[in-house]
Amino acid sequence: MAYNKILHDTIISAVDNQLKANNPPETKKTLQRLIGLGYSEQDSKKLIAQCISVEIFRAMKFDESHDEERYIRNLNNLPNPPFDDDEDD
């Protein structure tokens, strides 16, 4: 799959905005936890960005709103890949 720098930068910006606003606070906790596990700050943000991407995908595919509980579950499960808990859709 081709790398899309604009999309990547936009989603990383969303991570940065969450960190700056401390909203949700789990984003900052996840960043600190991942860094504590030995991931670089950049790689940690990329992992968090995967969780945001799940939410964006679901909003576009199923015309649904952001699911904060799923997002936080996925953050708490990192570095395991985030999942879409409605695989039957």
PDB file of N, CA and C in Angstrom:
ATOM      1  N   MET A   1       0.845  -1.175   0.000  1.00  0.00           N
ATOM      2  CA  MET A   1       0.000   0.000   0.000  1.00  0.00           C
ATOM      3  C   MET A   1       0.893   1.242   0.000  1.00  0.00           C
ATOM      4  N   ALA A   2       0.559   2.208  -0.811  1.00  0.00           N
ATOM      5  CA  ALA A   2       1.349   3.425  -0.927  1.00  0.00           C
ATOM      6  C   ALA A   2       1.193   4.289   0.322  1.00  0.00           C
ATOM      7  N   TYR A   3       2.258   4.946   0.682  1.00  0.00           N
ATOM      8  CA  TYR A   3       2.297   5.833   1.837  1.00  0.00           C
ATOM      9  C   TYR A   3       1.694   7.177   1.452  1.00  0.00           C
ATOM     10  N   ASN A   4       0.748   7.667   2.228  1.00  0.00           N
ATOM     11  CA  ASN A   4       0.112   8.952   1.974  1.00  0.00           C
ATOM     12  C   ASN A   4       0.542   9.916   3.072  1.00  0.00           C
ATOM     13  N   LYS A   5       1.522  10.766   2.765  1.00  0.00           N
ATOM     14  CA  LYS A   5       2.102  11.674   3.757  1.00  0.00           C
ATOM     15  C   LYS A   5       1.062  12.644   4.311  1.00  0.00           C
ATOM     16  N   ILE A   6       0.186  13.150   3.485  1.00  0.00           N
ATOM     17  CA  ILE A   6      -0.823  14.115   3.955  1.00  0.00           C
ATOM     18  C   ILE A   6      -1.750  13.443   4.968  1.00  0.00           C
ATOM     19  N   LEU A   7      -2.213  12.250   4.651  1.00  0.00           N
ATOM     20  CA  LEU A   7      -3.086  11.525   5.567  1.00  0.00           C
ATOM     21  C   LEU A   7      -2.345  11.199   6.865  1.00  0.00           C
ATOM     22  N   HIS A   8      -1.125  10.706   6.743  1.00  0.00           N
ATOM     23  CA  HIS A   8      -0.302  10.388   7.916  1.00  0.00           C
ATOM     24  C   HIS A   8      -0.140  11.618   8.806  1.00  0.00           C
ATOM     25  N   ASP A   9       0.246  12.734   8.213  1.00  0.00           N
ATOM     26  CA  ASP A   9       0.467  13.958   8.984  1.00  0.00           C
ATOM     27  C   ASP A   9      -0.816  14.452   9.648  1.00  0.00           C
ATOM     28  N   THR A  10      -1.944  14.292   8.973  1.00  0.00           N
ATOM     29  CA  THR A  10      -3.226  14.723   9.524  1.00  0.00           C
ATOM     30  C   THR A  10      -3.605  13.890  10.750  1.00  0.00           C
ATOM     31  N   ILE A  11      -3.407  12.588  10.663  1.00  0.00           N
ATOM     32  CA  ILE A  11      -3.769  11.729  11.790  1.00  0.00           C
ATOM     33  C   ILE A  11      -2.789  11.915  12.945  1.00  0.00           C
ATOM     34  N   ILE A  12      -1.515  12.089  12.656  1.00  0.00           N
ATOM     35  CA  ILE A  12      -0.545  12.373  13.725  1.00  0.00           C
ATOM     36  C   ILE A  12      -0.882  13.714  14.378  1.00  0.00           C
ATOM     37  N   SER A  13      -1.340  14.669  13.598  1.00  0.00           N
ATOM     38  CA  SER A  13      -1.774  15.954  14.155  1.00  0.00           C
ATOM     39  C   SER A  13      -2.950  15.759  15.114  1.00  0.00           C
ATOM     40  N   ALA A  14      -3.854  14.841  14.785  1.00  0.00           N
ATOM     41  CA  ALA A  14      -4.972  14.540  15.681  1.00  0.00           C
ATOM     42  C   ALA A  14      -4.452  13.956  16.998  1.00  0.00           C
ATOM     43  N   VAL A  15      -3.447  13.093  16.916  1.00  0.00           N
ATOM     44  CA  VAL A  15      -2.820  12.553  18.131  1.00  0.00           C
ATOM     45  C   VAL A  15      -2.231  13.692  18.950  1.00  0.00           C
ATOM     46  N   ASP A  16      -1.485  14.577  18.285  1.00  0.00           N
ATOM     47  CA  ASP A  16      -0.869  15.709  18.979  1.00  0.00           C
ATOM     48  C   ASP A  16      -1.922  16.608  19.632  1.00  0.00           C
ATOM     49  N   ASN A  17      -3.034  16.822  18.947  1.00  0.00           N
ATOM     50  CA  ASN A  17      -4.112  17.644  19.515  1.00  0.00           C
ATOM     51  C   ASN A  17      -4.708  16.992  20.760  1.00  0.00           C
ATOM     52  N   GLN A  18      -4.890  15.674  20.726  1.00  0.00           N
ATOM     53  CA  GLN A  18      -5.396  14.970  21.905  1.00  0.00           C
ATOM     54  C   GLN A  18      -4.420  15.083  23.068  1.00  0.00           C
ATOM     55  N   LEU A  19      -3.133  14.971  22.761  1.00  0.00           N
ATOM     56  CA  LEU A  19      -2.120  15.075  23.815  1.00  0.00           C
ATOM     57  C   LEU A  19      -2.100  16.475  24.418  1.00  0.00           C
ATOM     58  N   LYS A  20      -2.159  17.468  23.560  1.00  0.00           N
ATOM     59  CA  LYS A  20      -2.128  18.859  24.028  1.00  0.00           C
ATOM     60  C   LYS A  20      -3.344  19.185  24.891  1.00  0.00           C
ATOM     61  N   ALA A  21      -4.513  18.728  24.486  1.00  0.00           N
ATOM     62  CA  ALA A  21      -5.749  19.013  25.209  1.00  0.00           C
ATOM     63  C   ALA A  21      -5.969  18.043  26.381  1.00  0.00           C
ATOM     64  N   ASN A  22      -5.148  16.981  26.428  1.00  0.00           N
ATOM     65  CA  ASN A  22      -5.333  15.901  27.404  1.00  0.00           C
ATOM     66  C   ASN A  22      -6.767  15.373  27.351  1.00  0.00           C
ATOM     67  N   ASN A  23      -7.228  15.208  26.116  1.00  0.00           N
ATOM     68  CA  ASN A  23      -8.593  14.739  25.887  1.00  0.00           C
ATOM     69  C   ASN A  23      -8.621  13.750  24.730  1.00  0.00           C
ATOM     70  N   PRO A  24      -8.847  12.494  24.978  1.00  0.00           N
ATOM     71  CA  PRO A  24      -9.055  11.908  26.293  1.00  0.00           C
ATOM     72  C   PRO A  24      -7.716  11.709  27.012  1.00  0.00           C
ATOM     73  N   PRO A  25      -7.739  11.690  28.340  1.00  0.00           N
ATOM     74  CA  PRO A  25      -6.487  11.529  29.083  1.00  0.00           C
ATOM     75  C   PRO A  25      -5.799  10.198  28.808  1.00  0.00           C
ATOM     76  N   GLU A  26      -6.541   9.218  28.348  1.00  0.00           N
ATOM     77  CA  GLU A  26      -5.955   7.908  28.037  1.00  0.00           C
ATOM     78  C   GLU A  26      -4.924   7.990  26.913  1.00  0.00           C
ATOM     79  N   THR A  27      -5.040   8.992  26.055  1.00  0.00           N
ATOM     80  CA  THR A  27      -4.054   9.134  24.976  1.00  0.00           C
ATOM     81  C   THR A  27      -2.679   9.415  25.557  1.00  0.00           C
ATOM     82  N   LYS A  28      -2.598  10.360  26.480  1.00  0.00           N
ATOM     83  CA  LYS A  28      -1.311  10.697  27.105  1.00  0.00           C
ATOM     84  C   LYS A  28      -0.800   9.518  27.935  1.00  0.00           C
ATOM     85  N   LYS A  29      -1.687   8.866  28.669  1.00  0.00           N
ATOM     86  CA  LYS A  29      -1.285   7.704  29.465  1.00  0.00           C
ATOM     87  C   LYS A  29      -0.732   6.606  28.566  1.00  0.00           C
ATOM     88  N   THR A  30      -1.370   6.419  27.418  1.00  0.00           N
ATOM     89  CA  THR A  30      -0.911   5.399  26.473  1.00  0.00           C
ATOM     90  C   THR A  30       0.450   5.765  25.900  1.00  0.00           C
ATOM     91  N   LEU A  31       0.638   7.029  25.540  1.00  0.00           N
ATOM     92  CA  LEU A  31       1.937   7.475  25.022  1.00  0.00           C
ATOM     93  C   LEU A  31       3.023   7.190  26.055  1.00  0.00           C
ATOM     94  N   GLN A  32       2.797   7.578  27.295  1.00  0.00           N
ATOM     95  CA  GLN A  32       3.792   7.364  28.352  1.00  0.00           C
ATOM     96  C   GLN A  32       4.057   5.875  28.578  1.00  0.00           C
ATOM     97  N   ARG A  33       2.997   5.072  28.535  1.00  0.00           N
ATOM     98  CA  ARG A  33       3.149   3.630  28.732  1.00  0.00           C
ATOM     99  C   ARG A  33       3.979   3.002  27.617  1.00  0.00           C
ATOM    100  N   LEU A  34       3.678   3.397  26.373  1.00  0.00           N
ATOM    101  CA  LEU A  34       4.417   2.840  25.233  1.00  0.00           C
ATOM    102  C   LEU A  34       5.883   3.252  25.267  1.00  0.00           C
ATOM    103  N   ILE A  35       6.145   4.498  25.624  1.00  0.00           N
ATOM    104  CA  ILE A  35       7.536   4.941  25.747  1.00  0.00           C
ATOM    105  C   ILE A  35       8.240   4.136  26.840  1.00  0.00           C
ATOM    106  N   GLY A  36       7.520   3.880  27.940  1.00  0.00           N
ATOM    107  CA  GLY A  36       8.069   3.059  29.010  1.00  0.00           C
ATOM    108  C   GLY A  36       8.370   1.630  28.580  1.00  0.00           C
ATOM    109  N   LEU A  37       7.653   1.155  27.572  1.00  0.00           N
ATOM    110  CA  LEU A  37       7.898  -0.185  27.027  1.00  0.00           C
ATOM    111  C   LEU A  37       9.061  -0.205  26.038  1.00  0.00           C
ATOM    112  N   GLY A  38       9.607   0.982  25.739  1.00  0.00           N
ATOM    113  CA  GLY A  38      10.760   1.043  24.845  1.00  0.00           C
ATOM    114  C   GLY A  38      10.477   1.571  23.451  1.00  0.00           C
ATOM    115  N   TYR A  39       9.241   1.930  23.161  1.00  0.00           N
ATOM    116  CA  TYR A  39       8.918   2.517  21.860  1.00  0.00           C
ATOM    117  C   TYR A  39       9.358   3.978  21.855  1.00  0.00           C
ATOM    118  N   SER A  40       9.786   4.453  20.713  1.00  0.00           N
ATOM    119  CA  SER A  40      10.118   5.866  20.589  1.00  0.00           C
ATOM    120  C   SER A  40       8.830   6.685  20.653  1.00  0.00           C
ATOM    121  N   GLU A  41       8.958   7.969  20.895  1.00  0.00           N
ATOM    122  CA  GLU A  41       7.770   8.824  20.906  1.00  0.00           C
ATOM    123  C   GLU A  41       7.080   8.793  19.550  1.00  0.00           C
ATOM    124  N   GLN A  42       7.860   8.836  18.479  1.00  0.00           N
ATOM    125  CA  GLN A  42       7.297   8.807  17.129  1.00  0.00           C
ATOM    126  C   GLN A  42       6.550   7.503  16.869  1.00  0.00           C
ATOM    127  N   ASP A  43       7.150   6.380  17.222  1.00  0.00           N
ATOM    128  CA  ASP A  43       6.483   5.085  17.013  1.00  0.00           C
ATOM    129  C   ASP A  43       5.247   4.950  17.901  1.00  0.00           C
ATOM    130  N   SER A  44       5.318   5.484  19.100  1.00  0.00           N
ATOM    131  CA  SER A  44       4.160   5.453  20.002  1.00  0.00           C
ATOM    132  C   SER A  44       2.998   6.234  19.406  1.00  0.00           C
ATOM    133  N   LYS A  45       3.288   7.387  18.841  1.00  0.00           N
ATOM    134  CA  LYS A  45       2.237   8.191  18.212  1.00  0.00           C
ATOM    135  C   LYS A  45       1.650   7.464  17.001  1.00  0.00           C
ATOM    136  N   LYS A  46       2.481   6.746  16.270  1.00  0.00           N
ATOM    137  CA  LYS A  46       1.973   5.975  15.127  1.00  0.00           C
ATOM    138  C   LYS A  46       1.029   4.871  15.587  1.00  0.00           C
ATOM    139  N   LEU A  47       1.353   4.235  16.706  1.00  0.00           N
ATOM    140  CA  LEU A  47       0.462   3.203  17.238  1.00  0.00           C
ATOM    141  C   LEU A  47      -0.870   3.816  17.662  1.00  0.00           C
ATOM    142  N   ILE A  48      -0.818   4.956  18.340  1.00  0.00           N
ATOM    143  CA  ILE A  48      -2.043   5.645  18.746  1.00  0.00           C
ATOM    144  C   ILE A  48      -2.848   6.052  17.511  1.00  0.00           C
ATOM    145  N   ALA A  49      -2.156   6.482  16.475  1.00  0.00           N
ATOM    146  CA  ALA A  49      -2.821   6.892  15.232  1.00  0.00           C
ATOM    147  C   ALA A  49      -3.613   5.735  14.622  1.00  0.00           C
ATOM    148  N   GLN A  50      -3.164   4.507  14.810  1.00  0.00           N
ATOM    149  CA  GLN A  50      -3.924   3.357  14.315  1.00  0.00           C
ATOM    150  C   GLN A  50      -5.301   3.296  14.964  1.00  0.00           C
ATOM    151  N   CYS A  51      -5.370   3.639  16.250  1.00  0.00           N
ATOM    152  CA  CYS A  51      -6.660   3.620  16.956  1.00  0.00           C
ATOM    153  C   CYS A  51      -7.580   4.709  16.416  1.00  0.00           C
ATOM    154  N   ILE A  52      -7.017   5.868  16.115  1.00  0.00           N
ATOM    155  CA  ILE A  52      -7.811   6.940  15.507  1.00  0.00           C
ATOM    156  C   ILE A  52      -8.298   6.498  14.133  1.00  0.00           C
ATOM    157  N   SER A  53      -7.456   5.807  13.397  1.00  0.00           N
ATOM    158  CA  SER A  53      -7.819   5.348  12.055  1.00  0.00           C
ATOM    159  C   SER A  53      -9.007   4.396  12.086  1.00  0.00           C
ATOM    160  N   VAL A  54      -9.089   3.541  13.105  1.00  0.00           N
ATOM    161  CA  VAL A  54     -10.248   2.644  13.238  1.00  0.00           C
ATOM    162  C   VAL A  54     -11.518   3.471  13.353  1.00  0.00           C
ATOM    163  N   GLU A  55     -11.470   4.528  14.154  1.00  0.00           N
ATOM    164  CA  GLU A  55     -12.651   5.371  14.351  1.00  0.00           C
ATOM    165  C   GLU A  55     -13.022   6.112  13.063  1.00  0.00           C
ATOM    166  N   ILE A  56     -12.029   6.596  12.341  1.00  0.00           N
ATOM    167  CA  ILE A  56     -12.290   7.279  11.072  1.00  0.00           C
ATOM    168  C   ILE A  56     -12.917   6.305  10.072  1.00  0.00           C
ATOM    169  N   PHE A  57     -12.354   5.111   9.984  1.00  0.00           N
ATOM    170  CA  PHE A  57     -12.869   4.096   9.064  1.00  0.00           C
ATOM    171  C   PHE A  57     -14.332   3.785   9.356  1.00  0.00           C
ATOM    172  N   ARG A  58     -14.648   3.573  10.629  1.00  0.00           N
ATOM    173  CA  ARG A  58     -16.030   3.227  10.990  1.00  0.00           C
ATOM    174  C   ARG A  58     -16.976   4.385  10.690  1.00  0.00           C
ATOM    175  N   ALA A  59     -16.529   5.605  10.931  1.00  0.00           N
ATOM    176  CA  ALA A  59     -17.378   6.766  10.638  1.00  0.00           C
ATOM    177  C   ALA A  59     -17.696   6.833   9.149  1.00  0.00           C
ATOM    178  N   MET A  60     -16.707   6.548   8.322  1.00  0.00           N
ATOM    179  CA  MET A  60     -16.903   6.632   6.883  1.00  0.00           C
ATOM    180  C   MET A  60     -17.684   5.432   6.338  1.00  0.00           C
ATOM    181  N   LYS A  61     -17.342   4.233   6.795  1.00  0.00           N
ATOM    182  CA  LYS A  61     -17.971   3.029   6.249  1.00  0.00           C
ATOM    183  C   LYS A  61     -19.407   2.849   6.737  1.00  0.00           C
ATOM    184  N   PHE A  62     -19.653   3.135   7.998  1.00  0.00           N
ATOM    185  CA  PHE A  62     -20.953   2.841   8.587  1.00  0.00           C
ATOM    186  C   PHE A  62     -21.740   4.087   8.982  1.00  0.00           C
ATOM    187  N   ASP A  63     -21.214   5.254   8.653  1.00  0.00           N
ATOM    188  CA  ASP A  63     -21.892   6.511   8.974  1.00  0.00           C
ATOM    189  C   ASP A  63     -22.295   6.557  10.454  1.00  0.00           C
ATOM    190  N   GLU A  64     -21.325   6.221  11.300  1.00  0.00           N
ATOM    191  CA  GLU A  64     -21.592   6.230  12.734  1.00  0.00           C
ATOM    192  C   GLU A  64     -20.662   7.214  13.428  1.00  0.00           C
ATOM    193  N   SER A  65     -21.017   7.583  14.627  1.00  0.00           N
ATOM    194  CA  SER A  65     -20.203   8.533  15.377  1.00  0.00           C
ATOM    195  C   SER A  65     -19.072   7.806  16.096  1.00  0.00           C
ATOM    196  N   HIS A  66     -18.155   8.581  16.578  1.00  0.00           N
ATOM    197  CA  HIS A  66     -16.989   8.098  17.320  1.00  0.00           C
ATOM    198  C   HIS A  66     -17.441   7.297  18.537  1.00  0.00           C
ATOM    199  N   ASP A  67     -16.837   6.141  18.740  1.00  0.00           N
ATOM    200  CA  ASP A  67     -17.136   5.292  19.891  1.00  0.00           C
ATOM    201  C   ASP A  67     -15.974   5.420  20.873  1.00  0.00           C
ATOM    202  N   GLU A  68     -16.159   6.279  21.862  1.00  0.00           N
ATOM    203  CA  GLU A  68     -15.097   6.568  22.840  1.00  0.00           C
ATOM    204  C   GLU A  68     -14.664   5.307  23.590  1.00  0.00           C
ATOM    205  N   GLU A  69     -15.612   4.457  23.930  1.00  0.00           N
ATOM    206  CA  GLU A  69     -15.259   3.234  24.663  1.00  0.00           C
ATOM    207  C   GLU A  69     -14.373   2.320  23.816  1.00  0.00           C
ATOM    208  N   ARG A  70     -14.713   2.140  22.554  1.00  0.00           N
ATOM    209  CA  ARG A  70     -13.885   1.306  21.667  1.00  0.00           C
ATOM    210  C   ARG A  70     -12.505   1.932  21.504  1.00  0.00           C
ATOM    211  N   TYR A  71     -12.481   3.250  21.320  1.00  0.00           N
ATOM    212  CA  TYR A  71     -11.205   3.949  21.149  1.00  0.00           C
ATOM    213  C   TYR A  71     -10.309   3.729  22.365  1.00  0.00           C
ATOM    214  N   ILE A  72     -10.850   3.886  23.552  1.00  0.00           N
ATOM    215  CA  ILE A  72     -10.055   3.710  24.769  1.00  0.00           C
ATOM    216  C   ILE A  72      -9.644   2.257  24.951  1.00  0.00           C
ATOM    217  N   ARG A  73     -10.525   1.317  24.636  1.00  0.00           N
ATOM    218  CA  ARG A  73     -10.142  -0.112  24.683  1.00  0.00           C
ATOM    219  C   ARG A  73      -8.950  -0.369  23.763  1.00  0.00           C
ATOM    220  N   ASN A  74      -9.012   0.196  22.564  1.00  0.00           N
ATOM    221  CA  ASN A  74      -7.909  -0.005  21.624  1.00  0.00           C
ATOM    222  C   ASN A  74      -6.626   0.647  22.122  1.00  0.00           C
ATOM    223  N   LEU A  75      -6.730   1.839  22.707  1.00  0.00           N
ATOM    224  CA  LEU A  75      -5.540   2.476  23.288  1.00  0.00           C
ATOM    225  C   LEU A  75      -4.944   1.583  24.378  1.00  0.00           C
ATOM    226  N   ASN A  76      -5.792   1.088  25.264  1.00  0.00           N
ATOM    227  CA  ASN A  76      -5.319   0.270  26.381  1.00  0.00           C
ATOM    228  C   ASN A  76      -4.721  -1.049  25.919  1.00  0.00           C
ATOM    229  N   ASN A  77      -5.086  -1.492  24.727  1.00  0.00           N
ATOM    230  CA  ASN A  77      -4.597  -2.760  24.195  1.00  0.00           C
ATOM    231  C   ASN A  77      -3.285  -2.616  23.419  1.00  0.00           C
ATOM    232  N   LEU A  78      -2.883  -1.395  23.132  1.00  0.00           N
ATOM    233  CA  LEU A  78      -1.623  -1.193  22.411  1.00  0.00           C
ATOM    234  C   LEU A  78      -0.462  -1.718  23.248  1.00  0.00           C
ATOM    235  N   PRO A  79       0.555  -2.314  22.646  1.00  0.00           N
ATOM    236  CA  PRO A  79       0.939  -2.238  21.241  1.00  0.00           C
ATOM    237  C   PRO A  79       0.272  -3.271  20.342  1.00  0.00           C
ATOM    238  N   ASN A  80      -0.654  -4.061  20.869  1.00  0.00           N
ATOM    239  CA  ASN A  80      -1.402  -4.958  19.979  1.00  0.00           C
ATOM    240  C   ASN A  80      -2.210  -4.112  19.003  1.00  0.00           C
ATOM    241  N   PRO A  81      -2.375  -4.591  17.783  1.00  0.00           N
ATOM    242  CA  PRO A  81      -3.121  -3.808  16.793  1.00  0.00           C
ATOM    243  C   PRO A  81      -4.553  -3.534  17.255  1.00  0.00           C
ATOM    244  N   PRO A  82      -5.049  -2.338  16.956  1.00  0.00           N
ATOM    245  CA  PRO A  82      -6.435  -2.035  17.315  1.00  0.00           C
ATOM    246  C   PRO A  82      -7.382  -2.904  16.504  1.00  0.00           C
ATOM    247  N   PHE A  83      -8.570  -3.092  17.041  1.00  0.00           N
ATOM    248  CA  PHE A  83      -9.533  -3.932  16.350  1.00  0.00           C
ATOM    249  C   PHE A  83     -10.843  -3.191  16.190  1.00  0.00           C
ATOM    250  N   ASP A  84     -11.589  -3.680  15.240  1.00  0.00           N
ATOM    251  CA  ASP A  84     -12.920  -3.185  14.964  1.00  0.00           C
ATOM    252  C   ASP A  84     -13.855  -4.241  15.513  1.00  0.00           C
ATOM    253  N   ASP A  85     -14.511  -3.953  16.645  1.00  0.00           N
ATOM    254  CA  ASP A  85     -15.235  -4.996  17.352  1.00  0.00           C
ATOM    255  C   ASP A  85     -16.566  -5.385  16.707  1.00  0.00           C
ATOM    256  N   ASP A  86     -16.864  -4.841  15.558  1.00  0.00           N
ATOM    257  CA  ASP A  86     -18.091  -5.208  14.853  1.00  0.00           C
ATOM    258  C   ASP A  86     -17.744  -5.850  13.515  1.00  0.00           C
ATOM    259  N   GLU A  87     -16.997  -6.936  13.586  1.00  0.00           N
ATOM    260  CA  GLU A  87     -16.500  -7.567  12.371  1.00  0.00           C
ATOM    261  C   GLU A  87     -17.595  -8.161  11.508  1.00  0.00           C
ATOM    262  N   ASP A  88     -18.789  -8.334  12.047  1.00  0.00           N
ATOM    263  CA  ASP A  88     -19.881  -8.927  11.264  1.00  0.00           C
ATOM    264  C   ASP A  88     -20.510  -7.943  10.311  1.00  0.00           C
ATOM    265  N   ASP A  89     -20.232  -6.643  10.440  1.00  0.00           N
ATOM    266  CA  ASP A  89     -20.867  -5.614   9.599  1.00  0.00           C
ATOM    267  C   ASP A  89     -20.431  -5.723   8.158  1.00  0.00           C
TER     268      ASP A  89
END
